[in-house]
All heavy atoms as atom14 arrays in JSON, in Angstrom:
{
  "sequence": "WYRQAPGKERELVADITSGGSTNYADSVKGRFTISRDNAKNTVD",
  "atom14_mask": [
    [1, 1, 1, 1, 1, 1, 1, 1, 1, 1, 1, 1, 1, 1],
    [1, 1, 1, 1, 1, 1, 1, 1, 1, 1, 1, 1, 0, 0],
    [1, 1, 1, 1, 1, 1, 1, 1, 1, 1, 1, 0, 0, 0],
    [1, 1, 1, 1, 1, 1, 1, 1, 1, 0, 0, 0, 0, 0],
    [1, 1, 1, 1, 1, 0, 0, 0, 0, 0, 0, 0, 0, 0],
    [1, 1, 1, 1, 1, 1, 1, 0, 0, 0, 0, 0, 0, 0],
    [1, 1, 1, 1, 0, 0, 0, 0, 0, 0, 0, 0, 0, 0],
    [1, 1, 1, 1, 1, 1, 1, 1, 1, 0, 0, 0, 0, 0],
    [1, 1, 1, 1, 1, 1, 1, 1, 1, 0, 0, 0, 0, 0],
    [1, 1, 1, 1, 1, 1, 1, 1, 1, 1, 1, 0, 0, 0],
    [1, 1, 1, 1, 1, 1, 1, 1, 1, 0, 0, 0, 0, 0],
    [1, 1, 1, 1, 1, 1, 1, 1, 0, 0, 0, 0, 0, 0],
    [1, 1, 1, 1, 1, 1, 1, 0, 0, 0, 0, 0, 0, 0],
    [1, 1, 1, 1, 1, 0, 0, 0, 0, 0, 0, 0, 0, 0],
    [1, 1, 1, 1, 1, 1, 1, 1, 0, 0, 0, 0, 0, 0],
    [1, 1, 1, 1, 1, 1, 1, 1, 0, 0, 0, 0, 0, 0],
    [1, 1, 1, 1, 1, 1, 1, 0, 0, 0, 0, 0, 0, 0],
    [1, 1, 1, 1, 1, 1, 0, 0, 0, 0, 0, 0, 0, 0],
    [1, 1, 1, 1, 0, 0, 0, 0, 0, 0, 0, 0, 0, 0],
    [1, 1, 1, 1, 0, 0, 0, 0, 0, 0, 0, 0, 0, 0],
    [1, 1, 1, 1, 1, 1, 0, 0, 0, 0, 0, 0, 0, 0],
    [1, 1, 1, 1, 1, 1, 1, 0, 0, 0, 0, 0, 0, 0],
    [1, 1, 1, 1, 1, 1, 1, 1, 0, 0, 0, 0, 0, 0],
    [1, 1, 1, 1, 1, 1, 1, 1, 1, 1, 1, 1, 0, 0],
    [1, 1, 1, 1, 1, 0, 0, 0, 0, 0, 0, 0, 0, 0],
    [1, 1, 1, 1, 1, 1, 1, 1, 0, 0, 0, 0, 0, 0],
    [1, 1, 1, 1, 1, 1, 0, 0, 0, 0, 0, 0, 0, 0],
    [1, 1, 1, 1, 1, 1, 1, 0, 0, 0, 0, 0, 0, 0],
    [1, 1, 1, 1, 1, 1, 1, 1, 1, 0, 0, 0, 0, 0],
    [1, 1, 1, 1, 0, 0, 0, 0, 0, 0, 0, 0, 0, 0],
    [1, 1, 1, 1, 1, 1, 1, 1, 1, 1, 1, 0, 0, 0],
    [1, 1, 1, 1, 1, 1, 1, 1, 1, 1, 1, 0, 0, 0],
    [1, 1, 1, 1, 1, 1, 1, 0, 0, 0, 0, 0, 0, 0],
    [1, 1, 1, 1, 1, 1, 1, 1, 0, 0, 0, 0, 0, 0],
    [1, 1, 1, 1, 1, 1, 0, 0, 0, 0, 0, 0, 0, 0],
    [1, 1, 1, 1, 1, 1, 1, 1, 1, 1, 1, 0, 0, 0],
    [1, 1, 1, 1, 1, 1, 1, 1, 0, 0, 0, 0, 0, 0],
    [1, 1, 1, 1, 1, 1, 1, 1, 0, 0, 0, 0, 0, 0],
    [1, 1, 1, 1, 1, 0, 0, 0, 0, 0, 0, 0, 0, 0],
    [1, 1, 1, 1, 1, 1, 1, 1, 1, 0, 0, 0, 0, 0],
    [1, 1, 1, 1, 1, 1, 1, 1, 0, 0, 0, 0, 0, 0],
    [1, 1, 1, 1, 1, 1, 1, 0, 0, 0, 0, 0, 0, 0],
    [1, 1, 1, 1, 1, 1, 1, 0, 0, 0, 0, 0, 0, 0],
    [1, 1, 1, 1, 1, 1, 1, 1, 0, 0, 0, 0, 0, 0]
  ],
  "atom14_positions": [
    [[0.85, -1.19, 0.0], [0.0, 0.0, 0.0], [0.89, 1.24, 0.0], [1.81, 1.34, 0.81], [-0.92, 0.04, 1.22], [-2.08, -0.9, 1.14], [-2.16, -2.15, 1.68], [-3.32, -0.66, 0.47], [-3.38, -2.71, 1.39], [-4.12, -1.82, 0.65], [-3.85, 0.41, -0.25], [-5.41, -1.93, 0.13], [-5.12, 0.3, -0.77], [-5.89, -0.86, -0.58]],
    [[0.61, 2.16, -0.91], [1.27, 3.45, -0.98], [0.22, 4.52, -0.75], [-0.98, 4.26, -0.83], [1.91, 3.67, -2.35], [3.16, 2.86, -2.63], [3.08, 1.5, -2.93], [4.41, 3.46, -2.61], [4.22, 0.76, -3.2], [5.56, 2.73, -2.89], [5.46, 1.38, -3.18], [6.59, 0.65, -3.45], [0.0, 0.0, 0.0], [0.0, 0.0, 0.0]],
    [[0.67, 5.74, -0.47], [-0.26, 6.85, -0.36], [0.39, 8.13, -0.87], [1.6, 8.27, -0.85], [-0.75, 7.04, 1.08], [0.32, 7.54, 2.06], [-0.25, 7.59, 3.47], [0.73, 8.08, 4.44], [0.53, 8.1, 5.75], [-0.62, 7.66, 6.26], [1.47, 8.57, 6.56], [0.0, 0.0, 0.0], [0.0, 0.0, 0.0], [0.0, 0.0, 0.0]],
    [[-0.45, 9.05, -1.32], [0.02, 10.34, -1.78], [-0.91, 11.42, -1.27], [-2.08, 11.47, -1.65], [0.1, 10.38, -3.31], [0.74, 11.64, -3.86], [1.11, 11.53, -5.32], [0.55, 10.71, -6.05], [2.05, 12.33, -5.76], [0.0, 0.0, 0.0], [0.0, 0.0, 0.0], [0.0, 0.0, 0.0], [0.0, 0.0, 0.0], [0.0, 0.0, 0.0]],
    [[-0.39, 12.28, -0.41], [-1.15, 13.39, 0.14], [-1.06, 14.58, -0.8], [-0.13, 14.68, -1.61], [-0.61, 13.76, 1.52], [0.0, 0.0, 0.0], [0.0, 0.0, 0.0], [0.0, 0.0, 0.0], [0.0, 0.0, 0.0], [0.0, 0.0, 0.0], [0.0, 0.0, 0.0], [0.0, 0.0, 0.0], [0.0, 0.0, 0.0], [0.0, 0.0, 0.0]],
    [[-2.0, 15.52, -0.71], [-1.97, 16.7, -1.58], [-0.66, 17.45, -1.45], [-0.22, 17.78, -0.36], [-3.14, 17.54, -1.05], [-4.09, 16.54, -0.48], [-3.19, 15.52, 0.16], [0.0, 0.0, 0.0], [0.0, 0.0, 0.0], [0.0, 0.0, 0.0], [0.0, 0.0, 0.0], [0.0, 0.0, 0.0], [0.0, 0.0, 0.0], [0.0, 0.0, 0.0]],
    [[-0.01, 17.72, -2.59], [1.23, 18.46, -2.6], [2.45, 17.69, -2.14], [3.53, 18.29, -1.99], [0.0, 0.0, 0.0], [0.0, 0.0, 0.0], [0.0, 0.0, 0.0], [0.0, 0.0, 0.0], [0.0, 0.0, 0.0], [0.0, 0.0, 0.0], [0.0, 0.0, 0.0], [0.0, 0.0, 0.0], [0.0, 0.0, 0.0], [0.0, 0.0, 0.0]],
    [[2.32, 16.39, -1.91], [3.44, 15.59, -1.43], [3.73, 14.42, -2.38], [2.91, 14.09, -3.24], [3.16, 15.06, -0.03], [2.94, 16.14, 1.02], [2.71, 15.56, 2.39], [3.96, 14.88, 2.93], [3.76, 14.39, 4.34], [0.0, 0.0, 0.0], [0.0, 0.0, 0.0], [0.0, 0.0, 0.0], [0.0, 0.0, 0.0], [0.0, 0.0, 0.0]],
    [[4.89, 13.82, -2.21], [5.29, 12.69, -3.04], [4.63, 11.41, -2.56], [4.27, 11.27, -1.39], [6.81, 12.52, -3.01], [7.6, 13.7, -3.56], [7.37, 13.9, -5.03], [7.21, 12.9, -5.76], [7.36, 15.06, -5.47], [0.0, 0.0, 0.0], [0.0, 0.0, 0.0], [0.0, 0.0, 0.0], [0.0, 0.0, 0.0], [0.0, 0.0, 0.0]],
    [[4.45, 10.46, -3.47], [3.9, 9.17, -3.1], [4.9, 8.42, -2.22], [6.1, 8.42, -2.48], [3.59, 8.35, -4.36], [2.86, 7.05, -4.08], [2.43, 6.36, -5.36], [1.5, 7.17, -6.14], [0.86, 6.74, -7.23], [1.04, 5.5, -7.66], [0.06, 7.57, -7.87], [0.0, 0.0, 0.0], [0.0, 0.0, 0.0], [0.0, 0.0, 0.0]],
    [[4.4, 7.79, -1.16], [5.26, 7.09, -0.22], [4.74, 5.69, 0.08], [3.53, 5.44, 0.04], [5.4, 7.88, 1.08], [4.09, 8.02, 1.86], [4.26, 8.7, 3.2], [5.4, 8.82, 3.68], [3.24, 9.11, 3.79], [0.0, 0.0, 0.0], [0.0, 0.0, 0.0], [0.0, 0.0, 0.0], [0.0, 0.0, 0.0], [0.0, 0.0, 0.0]],
    [[5.66, 4.8, 0.42], [5.3, 3.44, 0.81], [4.74, 3.46, 2.23], [5.37, 3.99, 3.14], [6.51, 2.52, 0.73], [6.31, 1.08, 1.21], [5.34, 0.34, 0.28], [7.64, 0.35, 1.27], [0.0, 0.0, 0.0], [0.0, 0.0, 0.0], [0.0, 0.0, 0.0], [0.0, 0.0, 0.0], [0.0, 0.0, 0.0], [0.0, 0.0, 0.0]],
    [[3.58, 2.87, 2.41], [2.94, 2.79, 3.72], [3.25, 1.45, 4.38], [3.66, 1.39, 5.54], [1.42, 2.98, 3.62], [0.76, 2.82, 4.98], [1.1, 4.35, 3.03], [0.0, 0.0, 0.0], [0.0, 0.0, 0.0], [0.0, 0.0, 0.0], [0.0, 0.0, 0.0], [0.0, 0.0, 0.0], [0.0, 0.0, 0.0], [0.0, 0.0, 0.0]],
    [[3.03, 0.36, 3.65], [3.26, -0.97, 4.17], [3.36, -1.96, 3.02], [2.79, -1.74, 1.96], [2.14, -1.39, 5.12], [0.0, 0.0, 0.0], [0.0, 0.0, 0.0], [0.0, 0.0, 0.0], [0.0, 0.0, 0.0], [0.0, 0.0, 0.0], [0.0, 0.0, 0.0], [0.0, 0.0, 0.0], [0.0, 0.0, 0.0], [0.0, 0.0, 0.0]],
    [[4.1, -3.04, 3.24], [4.16, -4.08, 2.23], [4.19, -5.44, 2.9], [4.52, -5.56, 4.08], [5.37, -3.9, 1.3], [6.7, -4.09, 1.99], [7.16, -3.17, 2.69], [7.31, -5.18, 1.83], [0.0, 0.0, 0.0], [0.0, 0.0, 0.0], [0.0, 0.0, 0.0], [0.0, 0.0, 0.0], [0.0, 0.0, 0.0], [0.0, 0.0, 0.0]],
    [[3.86, -6.47, 2.13], [3.78, -7.82, 2.67], [4.22, -8.83, 1.61], [3.87, -8.71, 0.44], [2.34, -8.12, 3.17], [2.26, -9.5, 3.82], [1.33, -7.99, 2.02], [0.94, -9.72, 4.56], [0.0, 0.0, 0.0], [0.0, 0.0, 0.0], [0.0, 0.0, 0.0], [0.0, 0.0, 0.0], [0.0, 0.0, 0.0], [0.0, 0.0, 0.0]],
    [[5.02, -9.81, 2.01], [5.5, -10.83, 1.09], [4.45, -11.92, 0.92], [3.44, -11.96, 1.63], [6.8, -11.47, 1.6], [6.53, -12.25, 2.77], [7.84, -10.41, 1.92], [0.0, 0.0, 0.0], [0.0, 0.0, 0.0], [0.0, 0.0, 0.0], [0.0, 0.0, 0.0], [0.0, 0.0, 0.0], [0.0, 0.0, 0.0], [0.0, 0.0, 0.0]],
    [[4.7, -12.83, -0.03], [3.77, -13.93, -0.25], [3.67, -14.83, 0.97], [2.65, -15.5, 1.17], [4.2, -14.75, -1.47], [5.5, -15.29, -1.29], [0.0, 0.0, 0.0], [0.0, 0.0, 0.0], [0.0, 0.0, 0.0], [0.0, 0.0, 0.0], [0.0, 0.0, 0.0], [0.0, 0.0, 0.0], [0.0, 0.0, 0.0], [0.0, 0.0, 0.0]],
    [[4.72, -14.85, 1.79], [4.74, -15.66, 2.99], [4.17, -14.98, 4.22], [4.04, -15.59, 5.28], [0.0, 0.0, 0.0], [0.0, 0.0, 0.0], [0.0, 0.0, 0.0], [0.0, 0.0, 0.0], [0.0, 0.0, 0.0], [0.0, 0.0, 0.0], [0.0, 0.0, 0.0], [0.0, 0.0, 0.0], [0.0, 0.0, 0.0], [0.0, 0.0, 0.0]],
    [[3.84, -13.69, 4.09], [3.22, -12.97, 5.19], [4.12, -12.05, 6.0], [3.67, -11.46, 6.98], [0.0, 0.0, 0.0], [0.0, 0.0, 0.0], [0.0, 0.0, 0.0], [0.0, 0.0, 0.0], [0.0, 0.0, 0.0], [0.0, 0.0, 0.0], [0.0, 0.0, 0.0], [0.0, 0.0, 0.0], [0.0, 0.0, 0.0], [0.0, 0.0, 0.0]],
    [[5.39, -11.91, 5.62], [6.28, -10.99, 6.31], [5.89, -9.55, 5.97], [5.64, -9.24, 4.81], [7.74, -11.23, 5.92], [8.15, -12.52, 6.33], [0.0, 0.0, 0.0], [0.0, 0.0, 0.0], [0.0, 0.0, 0.0], [0.0, 0.0, 0.0], [0.0, 0.0, 0.0], [0.0, 0.0, 0.0], [0.0, 0.0, 0.0], [0.0, 0.0, 0.0]],
    [[5.86, -8.68, 6.98], [5.38, -7.31, 6.79], [6.43, -6.26, 7.1], [7.38, -6.5, 7.84], [4.15, -7.04, 7.66], [4.49, -7.23, 9.04], [3.01, -7.99, 7.3], [0.0, 0.0, 0.0], [0.0, 0.0, 0.0], [0.0, 0.0, 0.0], [0.0, 0.0, 0.0], [0.0, 0.0, 0.0], [0.0, 0.0, 0.0], [0.0, 0.0, 0.0]],
    [[6.21, -5.07, 6.53], [7.07, -3.92, 6.74], [6.2, -2.68, 6.73], [5.26, -2.58, 5.94], [8.14, -3.84, 5.65], [9.06, -2.65, 5.82], [9.8, -2.57, 6.8], [9.02, -1.72, 4.87], [0.0, 0.0, 0.0], [0.0, 0.0, 0.0], [0.0, 0.0, 0.0], [0.0, 0.0, 0.0], [0.0, 0.0, 0.0], [0.0, 0.0, 0.0]],
    [[6.51, -1.72, 7.63], [5.7, -0.51, 7.75], [6.55, 0.75, 7.77], [7.68, 0.74, 8.26], [4.87, -0.53, 9.03], [3.9, -1.68, 9.13], [4.27, -2.88, 9.72], [2.6, -1.55, 8.64], [3.38, -3.93, 9.81], [1.7, -2.6, 8.73], [2.09, -3.79, 9.32], [1.2, -4.83, 9.4], [0.0, 0.0, 0.0], [0.0, 0.0, 0.0]],
    [[5.98, 1.82, 7.25], [6.61, 3.13, 7.39], [6.57, 3.52, 8.86], [5.63, 3.17, 9.58], [5.87, 4.17, 6.55], [0.0, 0.0, 0.0], [0.0, 0.0, 0.0], [0.0, 0.0, 0.0], [0.0, 0.0, 0.0], [0.0, 0.0, 0.0], [0.0, 0.0, 0.0], [0.0, 0.0, 0.0], [0.0, 0.0, 0.0], [0.0, 0.0, 0.0]],
    [[7.59, 4.24, 9.32], [7.66, 4.63, 10.72], [6.42, 5.42, 11.15], [5.98, 5.32, 12.3], [8.91, 5.46, 10.98], [10.18, 4.64, 10.93], [10.11, 3.4, 11.07], [11.26, 5.23, 10.76], [0.0, 0.0, 0.0], [0.0, 0.0, 0.0], [0.0, 0.0, 0.0], [0.0, 0.0, 0.0], [0.0, 0.0, 0.0], [0.0, 0.0, 0.0]],
    [[5.87, 6.2, 10.25], [4.74, 7.05, 10.58], [3.44, 6.29, 10.88], [2.52, 6.85, 11.47], [4.47, 8.05, 9.44], [4.18, 7.37, 8.23], [0.0, 0.0, 0.0], [0.0, 0.0, 0.0], [0.0, 0.0, 0.0], [0.0, 0.0, 0.0], [0.0, 0.0, 0.0], [0.0, 0.0, 0.0], [0.0, 0.0, 0.0], [0.0, 0.0, 0.0]],
    [[3.38, 5.01, 10.49], [2.15, 4.25, 10.7], [2.34, 3.03, 11.59], [1.37, 2.33, 11.9], [1.52, 3.81, 9.36], [1.32, 5.01, 8.44], [2.37, 2.74, 8.68], [0.0, 0.0, 0.0], [0.0, 0.0, 0.0], [0.0, 0.0, 0.0], [0.0, 0.0, 0.0], [0.0, 0.0, 0.0], [0.0, 0.0, 0.0], [0.0, 0.0, 0.0]],
    [[3.56, 2.75, 12.01], [3.83, 1.6, 12.87], [3.0, 1.66, 14.15], [2.92, 2.69, 14.8], [5.31, 1.51, 13.21], [6.19, 1.02, 12.08], [7.64, 0.9, 12.52], [8.52, 0.37, 11.39], [9.94, 0.29, 11.78], [0.0, 0.0, 0.0], [0.0, 0.0, 0.0], [0.0, 0.0, 0.0], [0.0, 0.0, 0.0], [0.0, 0.0, 0.0]],
    [[2.38, 0.55, 14.49], [1.56, 0.48, 15.68], [0.12, 0.9, 15.45], [-0.73, 0.68, 16.32], [0.0, 0.0, 0.0], [0.0, 0.0, 0.0], [0.0, 0.0, 0.0], [0.0, 0.0, 0.0], [0.0, 0.0, 0.0], [0.0, 0.0, 0.0], [0.0, 0.0, 0.0], [0.0, 0.0, 0.0], [0.0, 0.0, 0.0], [0.0, 0.0, 0.0]],
    [[-0.16, 1.5, 14.3], [-1.51, 1.97, 13.99], [-2.14, 1.23, 12.81], [-3.34, 0.99, 12.8], [-1.51, 3.47, 13.69], [-1.01, 4.33, 14.84], [-1.24, 5.81, 14.57], [-0.5, 6.27, 13.39], [-1.07, 6.8, 12.32], [-2.39, 6.94, 12.26], [-0.32, 7.21, 11.3], [0.0, 0.0, 0.0], [0.0, 0.0, 0.0], [0.0, 0.0, 0.0]],
    [[-1.32, 0.89, 11.81], [-1.8, 0.22, 10.61], [-1.36, -1.24, 10.59], [-0.29, -1.58, 11.11], [-1.26, 0.89, 9.35], [-1.8, 2.27, 9.07], [-2.57, 2.96, 10.0], [-1.53, 2.89, 7.86], [-3.05, 4.23, 9.74], [-2.01, 4.15, 7.58], [-2.77, 4.83, 8.52], [0.0, 0.0, 0.0], [0.0, 0.0, 0.0], [0.0, 0.0, 0.0]],
    [[-2.17, -2.1, 9.98], [-1.83, -3.5, 9.82], [-2.16, -3.96, 8.41], [-3.29, -3.79, 7.95], [-2.61, -4.39, 10.82], [-2.32, -3.98, 12.16], [-2.2, -5.85, 10.65], [0.0, 0.0, 0.0], [0.0, 0.0, 0.0], [0.0, 0.0, 0.0], [0.0, 0.0, 0.0], [0.0, 0.0, 0.0], [0.0, 0.0, 0.0], [0.0, 0.0, 0.0]],
    [[-1.17, -4.52, 7.72], [-1.39, -5.04, 6.37], [-1.55, -6.55, 6.45], [-0.88, -7.22, 7.24], [-0.22, -4.65, 5.43], [-0.55, -5.03, 3.98], [1.09, -5.29, 5.88], [0.46, -4.48, 2.97], [0.0, 0.0, 0.0], [0.0, 0.0, 0.0], [0.0, 0.0, 0.0], [0.0, 0.0, 0.0], [0.0, 0.0, 0.0], [0.0, 0.0, 0.0]],
    [[-2.44, -7.1, 5.65], [-2.67, -8.53, 5.62], [-3.07, -8.95, 4.21], [-3.44, -8.12, 3.39], [-3.76, -8.93, 6.63], [-4.99, -8.31, 6.32], [0.0, 0.0, 0.0], [0.0, 0.0, 0.0], [0.0, 0.0, 0.0], [0.0, 0.0, 0.0], [0.0, 0.0, 0.0], [0.0, 0.0, 0.0], [0.0, 0.0, 0.0], [0.0, 0.0, 0.0]],
    [[-2.98, -10.25, 3.92], [-3.33, -10.73, 2.59], [-3.98, -12.1, 2.66], [-3.81, -12.85, 3.63], [-2.09, -10.79, 1.69], [-1.04, -11.81, 2.13], [0.24, -11.66, 1.31], [0.07, -12.1, -0.07], [0.94, -11.84, -1.04], [2.03, -11.11, -0.78], [0.72, -12.28, -2.27], [0.0, 0.0, 0.0], [0.0, 0.0, 0.0], [0.0, 0.0, 0.0]],
    [[-4.74, -12.41, 1.62], [-5.36, -13.72, 1.47], [-4.91, -14.23, 0.11], [-5.41, -13.79, -0.92], [-6.88, -13.61, 1.55], [-7.56, -14.97, 1.56], [-7.05, -15.91, 0.92], [-8.61, -15.1, 2.2], [0.0, 0.0, 0.0], [0.0, 0.0, 0.0], [0.0, 0.0, 0.0], [0.0, 0.0, 0.0], [0.0, 0.0, 0.0], [0.0, 0.0, 0.0]],
    [[-3.95, -15.15, 0.1], [-3.39, -15.64, -1.15], [-4.4, -16.4, -2.0], [-4.31, -16.42, -3.23], [-2.17, -16.53, -0.87], [-1.0, -15.75, -0.3], [-0.84, -14.56, -0.58], [-0.18, -16.41, 0.5], [0.0, 0.0, 0.0], [0.0, 0.0, 0.0], [0.0, 0.0, 0.0], [0.0, 0.0, 0.0], [0.0, 0.0, 0.0], [0.0, 0.0, 0.0]],
    [[-5.36, -17.05, -1.36], [-6.38, -17.79, -2.1], [-7.33, -16.86, -2.84], [-7.84, -17.2, -3.9], [-7.16, -18.7, -1.15], [0.0, 0.0, 0.0], [0.0, 0.0, 0.0], [0.0, 0.0, 0.0], [0.0, 0.0, 0.0], [0.0, 0.0, 0.0], [0.0, 0.0, 0.0], [0.0, 0.0, 0.0], [0.0, 0.0, 0.0], [0.0, 0.0, 0.0]],
    [[-7.57, -15.67, -2.27], [-8.49, -14.71, -2.86], [-7.78, -13.61, -3.65], [-8.45, -12.77, -4.27], [-9.35, -14.07, -1.78], [-10.25, -15.05, -1.04], [-11.08, -14.34, 0.01], [-12.0, -15.3, 0.74], [-12.8, -14.61, 1.79], [0.0, 0.0, 0.0], [0.0, 0.0, 0.0], [0.0, 0.0, 0.0], [0.0, 0.0, 0.0], [0.0, 0.0, 0.0]],
    [[-6.45, -13.59, -3.6], [-5.65, -12.55, -4.27], [-6.05, -11.16, -3.8], [-6.25, -10.24, -4.6], [-5.8, -12.65, -5.79], [-5.11, -13.87, -6.37], [-4.15, -14.39, -5.81], [-5.59, -14.33, -7.52], [0.0, 0.0, 0.0], [0.0, 0.0, 0.0], [0.0, 0.0, 0.0], [0.0, 0.0, 0.0], [0.0, 0.0, 0.0], [0.0, 0.0, 0.0]],
    [[-6.14, -11.0, -2.49], [-6.49, -9.71, -1.91], [-5.47, -9.28, -0.86], [-4.78, -10.11, -0.26], [-7.88, -9.74, -1.23], [-7.89, -10.73, -0.19], [-8.96, -10.06, -2.25], [0.0, 0.0, 0.0], [0.0, 0.0, 0.0], [0.0, 0.0, 0.0], [0.0, 0.0, 0.0], [0.0, 0.0, 0.0], [0.0, 0.0, 0.0], [0.0, 0.0, 0.0]],
    [[-5.38, -7.98, -0.65], [-4.54, -7.42, 0.4], [-5.33, -6.31, 1.07], [-5.99, -5.51, 0.39], [-3.19, -6.89, -0.16], [-3.41, -5.81, -1.21], [-2.32, -6.37, 0.98], [0.0, 0.0, 0.0], [0.0, 0.0, 0.0], [0.0, 0.0, 0.0], [0.0, 0.0, 0.0], [0.0, 0.0, 0.0], [0.0, 0.0, 0.0], [0.0, 0.0, 0.0]],
    [[-5.3, -6.28, 2.4], [-6.06, -5.3, 3.16], [-5.12, -4.41, 3.97], [-3.98, -4.76, 4.25], [-7.03, -5.98, 4.13], [-8.16, -6.7, 3.44], [-8.3, -6.57, 2.2], [-8.94, -7.38, 4.13], [0.0, 0.0, 0.0], [0.0, 0.0, 0.0], [0.0, 0.0, 0.0], [0.0, 0.0, 0.0], [0.0, 0.0, 0.0], [0.0, 0.0, 0.0]]
  ]
}
């Protein structure tokens, strides 16, 4: 998941591997959670 605020550059918010390992931007750690369902090809 990336995001772009008005007047700012697009930034990485969070990412997740096929195995479920996650990474978060410092600004959202502890507040946001990324997850995926490989059977449904979705990411939340």
